Every structure is written in structure tokens, then in C-alpha cells.
Amino acid sequence: MSKFQLIRFARSVAARRQQIVKMKCLKSTQRLSLDALFSQMSEGSIKDLNIVIKADVQGSVQAVKQSLEKLSNEEVQVKVIHGGVGAVTESDILLAAASNAIIIGFNVRPVPGAESLGEKENVDIRTYTIIYKAIEDIQAAMTGMLDPEYVDEETGKAEIREIYKISGVGTVAGCYVTNGKIFRNCKVRLVRDSIIIHEGELAALKRFKDDVKEVNSGYECGMSFVNYNDIKEGDIVEAYITKEVERKL
């Protein structure tokens, strides 16, 4: 290869690299999010609102799908491109990324790795436990009237390793805190096989026989749940607090 050809080749490679970087930047900035839906509609940059639905049972998938598709209007067509039963997986993230879609999860959580992939791919993942809340959010986003958002901030996780039946108390979960902290006054979700099976409050949090306000990662503790005893070894306890944050359009 001559010197002239080498220079042309180098310039060609550099231009191609710049094009790839530009495409990646464009891809990340054009990704659809619920918060920016109204502004993107106003600009005319989107005509279809693509949605991926994951839920705990097929009946919920159909209910959410039918409700969302009714929100279509002259400006935007709401399209459910995929609906399935089970946790939000990495395949769902990749499908949403390729289709510029929002993921709506009902009574399910992302599997390990899916949430981080979603952040990497700029995919908007929304999880709900009440169907009408998902409908309200999308309807509000389409009209540019999003209310302040209440965000669940996880404080810690624990694994249920033993189950105890105590007379006069009920069912107590022997737990090991795997990360973060479990607070006595926090709310909790019980997750089994990546499916949310219960959401409520702690009835008690103990270290040995003592009531405590919090338990740190790496320590064992006992938990009981308000009006709920259907727990199994291997269930995951997600502890969280709810915070209000301002939504930005």
C-alpha cells in the first residue's frame, strides 16, 4: 500500500469511527421515556408509543394491554409490541431498546442484570402493583400533566433462610441481610422467583429476642409481617421507603 493509499485508508477508518460514535450518541438521546413523552409528541418526533408488558399472570397482561391501547389518540398510537408472563428479562430490555419502547411491569421485578442493562441501553422501566396507576401515568404523560412522582428507594435486601411458628406471635422469618439496611419502619416487598407475592409492613424486627430499629448487611434477624404468613425459605425481602420527587418533562 502506497503512502497516499495509507492516508486515505486512515482517514476512512477515522470517519467511520466518528460515524459510529455519532450514531451511538443519537441512539442514546432519542430513546423514549415516559417523562419526555409529551415534549416528544409536541415536537412530532414520535407517532407510535411502543410498550412491552410483563406481568405476574396472563390475565394481567391482557388487562393492561387492553387498557393502554385505548389511550391511542390522533397524535400517538399506543402499541403493545410484546406481552408476557414473568420477570423483566434482558431479552425484554433488548427488545425495548431495538423498538424504542417503554417497559411496563405489573407485580414483577427485573431479573438480576436486567436493570443495569436497562440503564446502559437507556430503556425506561416502570413497575406497578396497581393497573390503573400505570394507565394514569401514561395518560398524564400524553397530556403533559405528570404529577410529582413517588419513588420507592430501596434500603436493603434480606433472604429468608428459616421459618418459625411461634405460639401467640404467628410466623416469623429467620433472615440474613444481604445488602443495605432493614429498618423497622420501612415498607417491604416479598419476592419469590422474581415475582412480587406480597407488599406491606413489618410487624416486628428483632435481633435475637430484642426489638431493634435497624439491622445492617451481614447480620441475621427475625421478621414478621403485618397480616401475612405465607412465606417460604428462599423468599427475598426488599425493604424500601417512599420519597416524592419532582417529575421533569
C-alpha atoms as a PDB file:
ATOM      1  CA  MET A   1       0.000   0.000   0.000  1.00  0.00           C
ATOM      2  CA  SER A   2       1.384   3.403  -1.028  1.00  0.00           C
ATOM      3  CA  LYS A   3       1.697   6.330   1.371  1.00  0.00           C
ATOM      4  CA  PHE A   4      -1.204   8.072  -0.368  1.00  0.00           C
ATOM      5  CA  GLN A   5      -3.397   4.967  -0.102  1.00  0.00           C
ATOM      6  CA  LEU A   6      -2.437   4.552   3.557  1.00  0.00           C
ATOM      7  CA  ILE A   7      -3.501   8.132   4.338  1.00  0.00           C
ATOM      8  CA  ARG A   8      -6.825   7.625   2.541  1.00  0.00           C
ATOM      9  CA  PHE A   9      -7.395   4.381   4.442  1.00  0.00           C
ATOM     10  CA  ALA A  10      -6.605   6.030   7.797  1.00  0.00           C
ATOM     11  CA  ARG A  11      -8.993   8.880   7.035  1.00  0.00           C
ATOM     12  CA  SER A  12     -11.683   6.390   6.047  1.00  0.00           C
ATOM     13  CA  VAL A  13     -11.280   4.486   9.327  1.00  0.00           C
ATOM     14  CA  ALA A  14     -11.376   7.721  11.346  1.00  0.00           C
ATOM     15  CA  ALA A  15     -14.519   8.890   9.549  1.00  0.00           C
ATOM     16  CA  ARG A  16     -16.180   5.533  10.142  1.00  0.00           C
ATOM     17  CA  ARG A  17     -15.336   5.678  13.841  1.00  0.00           C
ATOM     18  CA  GLN A  18     -16.782   9.177  14.095  1.00  0.00           C
ATOM     19  CA  GLN A  19     -19.947   7.969  12.390  1.00  0.00           C
ATOM     20  CA  ILE A  20     -20.295   5.080  14.849  1.00  0.00           C
ATOM     21  CA  VAL A  21     -19.830   7.409  17.827  1.00  0.00           C
ATOM     22  CA  LYS A  22     -22.385   9.818  16.371  1.00  0.00           C
ATOM     23  CA  MET A  23     -24.895   7.001  15.847  1.00  0.00           C
ATOM     24  CA  LYS A  24     -24.404   5.802  19.427  1.00  0.00           C
ATOM     25  CA  CYS A  25     -24.961   9.297  20.788  1.00  0.00           C
ATOM     26  CA  LEU A  26     -28.030   9.747  18.614  1.00  0.00           C
ATOM     27  CA  LYS A  27     -29.348   6.373  19.721  1.00  0.00           C
ATOM     28  CA  SER A  28     -28.985   7.255  23.407  1.00  0.00           C
ATOM     29  CA  THR A  29     -30.530  10.726  23.133  1.00  0.00           C
ATOM     30  CA  GLN A  30     -33.530   9.626  21.065  1.00  0.00           C
ATOM     31  CA  ARG A  31     -34.572   6.852  23.432  1.00  0.00           C
ATOM     32  CA  LEU A  32     -38.200   7.245  24.505  1.00  0.00           C
ATOM     33  CA  SER A  33     -39.025   7.897  28.151  1.00  0.00           C
ATOM     34  CA  LEU A  34     -42.372   8.467  29.826  1.00  0.00           C
ATOM     35  CA  ASP A  35     -41.185  11.713  31.409  1.00  0.00           C
ATOM     36  CA  ALA A  36     -40.314  13.174  27.998  1.00  0.00           C
ATOM     37  CA  LEU A  37     -43.304  11.743  26.139  1.00  0.00           C
ATOM     38  CA  PHE A  38     -45.346  14.946  25.913  1.00  0.00           C
ATOM     39  CA  SER A  39     -42.453  17.083  24.680  1.00  0.00           C
ATOM     40  CA  GLN A  40     -41.553  14.458  22.070  1.00  0.00           C
ATOM     41  CA  MET A  41     -45.208  14.327  20.977  1.00  0.00           C
ATOM     42  CA  SER A  42     -45.325  18.139  20.714  1.00  0.00           C
ATOM     43  CA  GLU A  43     -42.188  18.132  18.568  1.00  0.00           C
ATOM     44  CA  GLY A  44     -43.728  15.456  16.365  1.00  0.00           C
ATOM     45  CA  SER A  45     -40.692  13.237  16.911  1.00  0.00           C
ATOM     46  CA  ILE A  46     -42.796  10.187  17.800  1.00  0.00           C
ATOM     47  CA  LYS A  47     -46.005   8.791  16.304  1.00  0.00           C
ATOM     48  CA  ASP A  48     -46.070   5.389  17.987  1.00  0.00           C
ATOM     49  CA  LEU A  49     -45.766   4.707  21.707  1.00  0.00           C
ATOM     50  CA  ASN A  50     -44.328   1.191  21.792  1.00  0.00           C
ATOM     51  CA  ILE A  51     -44.775  -0.722  25.038  1.00  0.00           C
ATOM     52  CA  VAL A  52     -43.512  -4.052  26.374  1.00  0.00           C
ATOM     53  CA  ILE A  53     -45.707  -5.524  29.124  1.00  0.00           C
ATOM     54  CA  LYS A  54     -44.571  -8.096  31.689  1.00  0.00           C
ATOM     55  CA  ALA A  55     -46.911  -9.268  34.449  1.00  0.00           C
ATOM     56  CA  ASP A  56     -47.378 -11.973  37.061  1.00  0.00           C
ATOM     57  CA  VAL A  57     -50.279 -13.705  35.256  1.00  0.00           C
ATOM     58  CA  GLN A  58     -51.656 -13.741  31.701  1.00  0.00           C
ATOM     59  CA  GLY A  59     -54.912 -12.108  32.794  1.00  0.00           C
ATOM     60  CA  SER A  60     -52.986  -9.075  33.998  1.00  0.00           C
ATOM     61  CA  VAL A  61     -51.069  -8.876  30.704  1.00  0.00           C
ATOM     62  CA  GLN A  62     -54.343  -8.743  28.761  1.00  0.00           C
ATOM     63  CA  ALA A  63     -55.952  -6.254  31.154  1.00  0.00           C
ATOM     64  CA  VAL A  64     -53.001  -3.852  30.959  1.00  0.00           C
ATOM     65  CA  LYS A  65     -52.727  -4.284  27.173  1.00  0.00           C
ATOM     66  CA  GLN A  66     -56.391  -3.519  26.515  1.00  0.00           C
ATOM     67  CA  SER A  67     -56.392  -0.527  28.854  1.00  0.00           C
ATOM     68  CA  LEU A  68     -53.245   1.000  27.360  1.00  0.00           C
ATOM     69  CA  GLU A  69     -54.287   0.560  23.742  1.00  0.00           C
ATOM     70  CA  LYS A  70     -57.482   2.511  24.458  1.00  0.00           C
ATOM     71  CA  LEU A  71     -55.306   5.565  25.172  1.00  0.00           C
ATOM     72  CA  SER A  72     -54.389   5.946  21.491  1.00  0.00           C
ATOM     73  CA  ASN A  73     -55.284   9.316  20.000  1.00  0.00           C
ATOM     74  CA  GLU A  74     -54.777  11.280  16.780  1.00  0.00           C
ATOM     75  CA  GLU A  75     -51.226  12.212  17.742  1.00  0.00           C
ATOM     76  CA  VAL A  76     -49.871   8.935  19.056  1.00  0.00           C
ATOM     77  CA  GLN A  77     -50.807   5.304  18.547  1.00  0.00           C
ATOM     78  CA  VAL A  78     -50.211   3.160  21.644  1.00  0.00           C
ATOM     79  CA  LYS A  79     -48.843  -0.203  20.514  1.00  0.00           C
ATOM     80  CA  VAL A  80     -48.104  -3.173  22.770  1.00  0.00           C
ATOM     81  CA  ILE A  81     -45.329  -4.893  20.835  1.00  0.00           C
ATOM     82  CA  HIS A  82     -44.909  -7.709  23.356  1.00  0.00           C
ATOM     83  CA  GLY A  83     -46.712  -9.034  26.414  1.00  0.00           C
ATOM     84  CA  GLY A  84     -45.559 -11.912  28.572  1.00  0.00           C
ATOM     85  CA  VAL A  85     -45.738 -13.552  31.979  1.00  0.00           C
ATOM     86  CA  GLY A  86     -42.770 -13.404  34.344  1.00  0.00           C
ATOM     87  CA  ALA A  87     -39.978 -11.108  35.410  1.00  0.00           C
ATOM     88  CA  VAL A  88     -38.482  -8.405  33.195  1.00  0.00           C
ATOM     89  CA  THR A  89     -35.520 -10.083  31.480  1.00  0.00           C
ATOM     90  CA  GLU A  90     -32.514  -8.929  29.495  1.00  0.00           C
ATOM     91  CA  SER A  91     -34.320 -10.083  26.333  1.00  0.00           C
ATOM     92  CA  ASP A  92     -37.158  -7.682  27.162  1.00  0.00           C
ATOM     93  CA  ILE A  93     -34.616  -4.874  27.570  1.00  0.00           C
ATOM     94  CA  LEU A  94     -33.011  -5.608  24.208  1.00  0.00           C
ATOM     95  CA  LEU A  95     -36.419  -5.784  22.503  1.00  0.00           C
ATOM     96  CA  ALA A  96     -37.421  -2.454  24.042  1.00  0.00           C
ATOM     97  CA  ALA A  97     -34.098  -0.892  23.032  1.00  0.00           C
ATOM     98  CA  ALA A  98     -34.443  -2.087  19.447  1.00  0.00           C
ATOM     99  CA  SER A  99     -38.081  -0.908  19.252  1.00  0.00           C
ATOM    100  CA  ASN A 100     -37.692   2.343  21.223  1.00  0.00           C
ATOM    101  CA  ALA A 101     -40.249   1.040  23.708  1.00  0.00           C
ATOM    102  CA  ILE A 102     -41.144   1.588  27.347  1.00  0.00           C
ATOM    103  CA  ILE A 103     -41.365  -1.457  29.624  1.00  0.00           C
ATOM    104  CA  ILE A 104     -44.367  -1.723  31.938  1.00  0.00           C
ATOM    105  CA  GLY A 105     -44.045  -4.348  34.684  1.00  0.00           C
ATOM    106  CA  PHE A 106     -47.062  -5.340  36.766  1.00  0.00           C
ATOM    107  CA  ASN A 107     -46.342  -7.231  40.005  1.00  0.00           C
ATOM    108  CA  VAL A 108     -42.933  -8.284  38.655  1.00  0.00           C
ATOM    109  CA  ARG A 109     -39.327  -7.147  39.031  1.00  0.00           C
ATOM    110  CA  PRO A 110     -36.343  -7.135  36.664  1.00  0.00           C
ATOM    111  CA  VAL A 111     -34.119 -10.213  36.963  1.00  0.00           C
ATOM    112  CA  PRO A 112     -30.515  -9.660  38.119  1.00  0.00           C
ATOM    113  CA  GLY A 113     -28.660  -7.899  35.332  1.00  0.00           C
ATOM    114  CA  ALA A 114     -31.746  -6.625  33.520  1.00  0.00           C
ATOM    115  CA  GLU A 115     -31.977  -3.367  35.458  1.00  0.00           C
ATOM    116  CA  SER A 116     -28.331  -2.461  34.816  1.00  0.00           C
ATOM    117  CA  LEU A 117     -28.732  -3.372  31.138  1.00  0.00           C
ATOM    118  CA  GLY A 118     -31.792  -1.119  31.037  1.00  0.00           C
ATOM    119  CA  GLU A 119     -29.745   1.782  32.373  1.00  0.00           C
ATOM    120  CA  LYS A 120     -26.996   1.075  29.858  1.00  0.00           C
ATOM    121  CA  GLU A 121     -29.466   0.942  26.965  1.00  0.00           C
ATOM    122  CA  ASN A 122     -31.463   3.947  28.254  1.00  0.00           C
ATOM    123  CA  VAL A 123     -34.672   1.899  28.443  1.00  0.00           C
ATOM    124  CA  ASP A 124     -37.438   3.323  30.656  1.00  0.00           C
ATOM    125  CA  ILE A 125     -38.646   0.533  33.000  1.00  0.00           C
ATOM    126  CA  ARG A 126     -41.794   1.253  35.020  1.00  0.00           C
ATOM    127  CA  THR A 127     -43.104  -1.215  37.611  1.00  0.00           C
ATOM    128  CA  TYR A 128     -46.543  -1.107  39.191  1.00  0.00           C
ATOM    129  CA  THR A 129     -48.732  -3.064  41.587  1.00  0.00           C
ATOM    130  CA  ILE A 130     -51.969  -1.296  40.616  1.00  0.00           C
ATOM    131  CA  ILE A 131     -53.120  -1.384  36.985  1.00  0.00           C
ATOM    132  CA  TYR A 132     -54.938   1.935  36.959  1.00  0.00           C
ATOM    133  CA  LYS A 133     -51.771   3.688  38.188  1.00  0.00           C
ATOM    134  CA  ALA A 134     -49.938   2.590  35.041  1.00  0.00           C
ATOM    135  CA  ILE A 135     -52.849   3.833  32.933  1.00  0.00           C
ATOM    136  CA  GLU A 136     -52.926   7.162  34.783  1.00  0.00           C
ATOM    137  CA  ASP A 137     -49.178   7.699  34.363  1.00  0.00           C
ATOM    138  CA  ILE A 138     -49.204   7.144  30.615  1.00  0.00           C
ATOM    139  CA  GLN A 139     -52.388   9.162  30.156  1.00  0.00           C
ATOM    140  CA  ALA A 140     -50.901  12.022  32.187  1.00  0.00           C
ATOM    141  CA  ALA A 141     -47.628  11.832  30.265  1.00  0.00           C
ATOM    142  CA  MET A 142     -49.510  12.048  26.957  1.00  0.00           C
ATOM    143  CA  THR A 143     -51.288  15.216  28.084  1.00  0.00           C
ATOM    144  CA  GLY A 144     -48.218  16.796  29.660  1.00  0.00           C
ATOM    145  CA  MET A 145     -49.711  16.768  33.150  1.00  0.00           C
ATOM    146  CA  LEU A 146     -47.447  14.493  35.149  1.00  0.00           C
ATOM    147  CA  ASP A 147     -47.894  14.846  38.901  1.00  0.00           C
ATOM    148  CA  PRO A 148     -44.934  14.654  41.306  1.00  0.00           C
ATOM    149  CA  GLU A 149     -43.565  11.138  41.275  1.00  0.00           C
ATOM    150  CA  TYR A 150     -43.340   8.945  44.337  1.00  0.00           C
ATOM    151  CA  VAL A 151     -40.237   6.817  44.072  1.00  0.00           C
ATOM    152  CA  ASP A 152     -39.537   3.718  46.111  1.00  0.00           C
ATOM    153  CA  GLU A 153     -35.947   3.896  47.346  1.00  0.00           C
ATOM    154  CA  GLU A 154     -34.594   0.508  48.360  1.00  0.00           C
ATOM    155  CA  THR A 155     -32.802   0.491  51.702  1.00  0.00           C
ATOM    156  CA  GLY A 156     -31.798  -3.158  51.828  1.00  0.00           C
ATOM    157  CA  LYS A 157     -32.478  -6.792  50.996  1.00  0.00           C
ATOM    158  CA  ALA A 158     -32.657  -9.915  53.093  1.00  0.00           C
ATOM    159  CA  GLU A 159     -33.054 -13.604  52.349  1.00  0.00           C
ATOM    160  CA  ILE A 160     -35.456 -15.747  54.350  1.00  0.00           C
ATOM    161  CA  ARG A 161     -33.455 -18.788  55.478  1.00  0.00           C
ATOM    162  CA  GLU A 162     -35.646 -20.307  58.189  1.00  0.00           C
ATOM    163  CA  ILE A 163     -39.320 -20.281  59.145  1.00  0.00           C
ATOM    164  CA  TYR A 164     -40.504 -20.366  62.760  1.00  0.00           C
ATOM    165  CA  LYS A 165     -44.025 -20.898  64.076  1.00  0.00           C
ATOM    166  CA  ILE A 166     -44.331 -19.171  67.448  1.00  0.00           C
ATOM    167  CA  SER A 167     -47.426 -19.544  69.599  1.00  0.00           C
ATOM    168  CA  GLY A 168     -49.187 -16.235  70.140  1.00  0.00           C
ATOM    169  CA  VAL A 169     -46.973 -14.497  67.584  1.00  0.00           C
ATOM    170  CA  GLY A 170     -47.504 -16.368  64.339  1.00  0.00           C
ATOM    171  CA  THR A 171     -44.978 -16.994  61.582  1.00  0.00           C
ATOM    172  CA  VAL A 172     -41.520 -15.477  61.980  1.00  0.00           C
ATOM    173  CA  ALA A 173     -38.929 -15.357  59.209  1.00  0.00           C
ATOM    174  CA  GLY A 174     -35.318 -16.026  60.142  1.00  0.00           C
ATOM    175  CA  CYS A 175     -33.453 -13.745  57.744  1.00  0.00           C
ATOM    176  CA  TYR A 176     -29.959 -12.792  56.659  1.00  0.00           C
ATOM    177  CA  VAL A 177     -29.491  -9.208  55.450  1.00  0.00           C
ATOM    178  CA  THR A 178     -27.572  -9.475  52.171  1.00  0.00           C
ATOM    179  CA  ASN A 179     -27.101  -5.770  51.475  1.00  0.00           C
ATOM    180  CA  GLY A 180     -28.051  -2.344  52.787  1.00  0.00           C
ATOM    181  CA  LYS A 181     -30.158  -1.959  55.927  1.00  0.00           C
ATOM    182  CA  ILE A 182     -33.562  -3.163  57.060  1.00  0.00           C
ATOM    183  CA  PHE A 183     -35.420  -0.523  59.076  1.00  0.00           C
ATOM    184  CA  ARG A 184     -38.283  -1.287  61.449  1.00  0.00           C
ATOM    185  CA  ASN A 185     -40.494   1.433  59.972  1.00  0.00           C
ATOM    186  CA  CYS A 186     -39.818   0.704  56.294  1.00  0.00           C
ATOM    187  CA  LYS A 187     -42.197  -0.944  53.862  1.00  0.00           C
ATOM    188  CA  VAL A 188     -41.384  -4.357  52.444  1.00  0.00           C
ATOM    189  CA  ARG A 189     -41.998  -6.475  49.385  1.00  0.00           C
ATOM    190  CA  LEU A 190     -41.725 -10.238  49.374  1.00  0.00           C
ATOM    191  CA  VAL A 191     -40.293 -11.574  46.134  1.00  0.00           C
ATOM    192  CA  ARG A 192     -40.374 -15.226  45.085  1.00  0.00           C
ATOM    193  CA  ASP A 193     -38.760 -16.288  41.790  1.00  0.00           C
ATOM    194  CA  SER A 194     -38.632 -12.609  40.699  1.00  0.00           C
ATOM    195  CA  ILE A 195     -42.401 -12.239  41.256  1.00  0.00           C
ATOM    196  CA  ILE A 196     -43.785  -9.901  43.924  1.00  0.00           C
ATOM    197  CA  ILE A 197     -46.071 -12.010  46.126  1.00  0.00           C
ATOM    198  CA  HIS A 198     -46.778  -9.500  48.885  1.00  0.00           C
ATOM    199  CA  GLU A 199     -46.330  -5.837  49.715  1.00  0.00           C
ATOM    200  CA  GLY A 200     -46.882  -4.445  53.187  1.00  0.00           C
ATOM    201  CA  GLU A 201     -45.298  -3.546  56.501  1.00  0.00           C
ATOM    202  CA  LEU A 202     -43.180  -5.220  59.150  1.00  0.00           C
ATOM    203  CA  ALA A 203     -44.966  -6.313  62.303  1.00  0.00           C
ATOM    204  CA  ALA A 204     -41.655  -6.836  64.109  1.00  0.00           C
ATOM    205  CA  LEU A 205     -37.898  -6.663  63.559  1.00  0.00           C
ATOM    206  CA  LYS A 206     -35.699  -8.474  66.068  1.00  0.00           C
ATOM    207  CA  ARG A 207     -32.098  -9.366  66.799  1.00  0.00           C
ATOM    208  CA  PHE A 208     -32.211 -12.476  68.946  1.00  0.00           C
ATOM    209  CA  LYS A 209     -35.097 -11.614  71.331  1.00  0.00           C
ATOM    210  CA  ASP A 210     -34.663  -7.844  71.251  1.00  0.00           C
ATOM    211  CA  ASP A 211     -36.738  -5.420  69.203  1.00  0.00           C
ATOM    212  CA  VAL A 212     -34.442  -3.271  67.059  1.00  0.00           C
ATOM    213  CA  LYS A 213     -34.831  -0.220  64.825  1.00  0.00           C
ATOM    214  CA  GLU A 214     -32.488  -1.439  62.093  1.00  0.00           C
ATOM    215  CA  VAL A 215     -30.304  -4.357  61.019  1.00  0.00           C
ATOM    216  CA  ASN A 216     -27.217  -3.934  58.840  1.00  0.00           C
ATOM    217  CA  SER A 217     -25.900  -6.044  55.989  1.00  0.00           C
ATOM    218  CA  GLY A 218     -24.143  -9.206  57.121  1.00  0.00           C
ATOM    219  CA  TYR A 219     -26.331  -9.764  60.188  1.00  0.00           C
ATOM    220  CA  GLU A 220     -29.164 -12.155  60.940  1.00  0.00           C
ATOM    221  CA  CYS A 221     -32.553 -11.023  62.194  1.00  0.00           C
ATOM    222  CA  GLY A 222     -36.123 -12.099  62.710  1.00  0.00           C
ATOM    223  CA  MET A 223     -39.035 -10.527  60.850  1.00  0.00           C
ATOM    224  CA  SER A 224     -42.780 -10.900  60.965  1.00  0.00           C
ATOM    225  CA  PHE A 225     -45.186  -9.237  58.580  1.00  0.00           C
ATOM    226  CA  VAL A 226     -48.480  -7.453  59.185  1.00  0.00           C
ATOM    227  CA  ASN A 227     -51.371  -9.795  58.297  1.00  0.00           C
ATOM    228  CA  TYR A 228     -49.185 -12.086  56.193  1.00  0.00           C
ATOM    229  CA  ASN A 229     -47.737 -15.518  56.964  1.00  0.00           C
ATOM    230  CA  ASP A 230     -47.394 -17.252  53.574  1.00  0.00           C
ATOM    231  CA  ILE A 231     -43.592 -17.141  53.459  1.00  0.00           C
ATOM    232  CA  LYS A 232     -41.042 -19.723  52.324  1.00  0.00           C
ATOM    233  CA  GLU A 233     -37.329 -20.286  52.665  1.00  0.00           C
ATOM    234  CA  GLY A 234     -35.562 -18.547  49.798  1.00  0.00           C
ATOM    235  CA  ASP A 235     -38.023 -15.667  49.570  1.00  0.00           C
ATOM    236  CA  ILE A 236     -36.376 -12.255  49.242  1.00  0.00           C
ATOM    237  CA  VAL A 237     -37.399  -9.322  51.421  1.00  0.00           C
ATOM    238  CA  GLU A 238     -36.982  -5.941  49.729  1.00  0.00           C
ATOM    239  CA  ALA A 239     -37.112  -3.071  52.220  1.00  0.00           C
ATOM    240  CA  TYR A 240     -37.860   0.408  50.923  1.00  0.00           C
ATOM    241  CA  ILE A 241     -39.016   3.907  51.764  1.00  0.00           C
ATOM    242  CA  THR A 242     -41.175   6.097  49.528  1.00  0.00           C
ATOM    243  CA  LYS A 243     -39.925   9.547  48.518  1.00  0.00           C
ATOM    244  CA  GLU A 244     -41.564  12.288  46.492  1.00  0.00           C
ATOM    245  CA  VAL A 245     -39.524  13.642  43.595  1.00  0.00           C
ATOM    246  CA  GLU A 246     -40.350  16.281  41.009  1.00  0.00           C
ATOM    247  CA  ARG A 247     -41.033  14.962  37.537  1.00  0.00           C
ATOM    248  CA  LYS A 248     -39.371  16.752  34.637  1.00  0.00           C
ATOM    249  CA  LEU A 249     -40.760  16.929  31.139  1.00  0.00           C
END
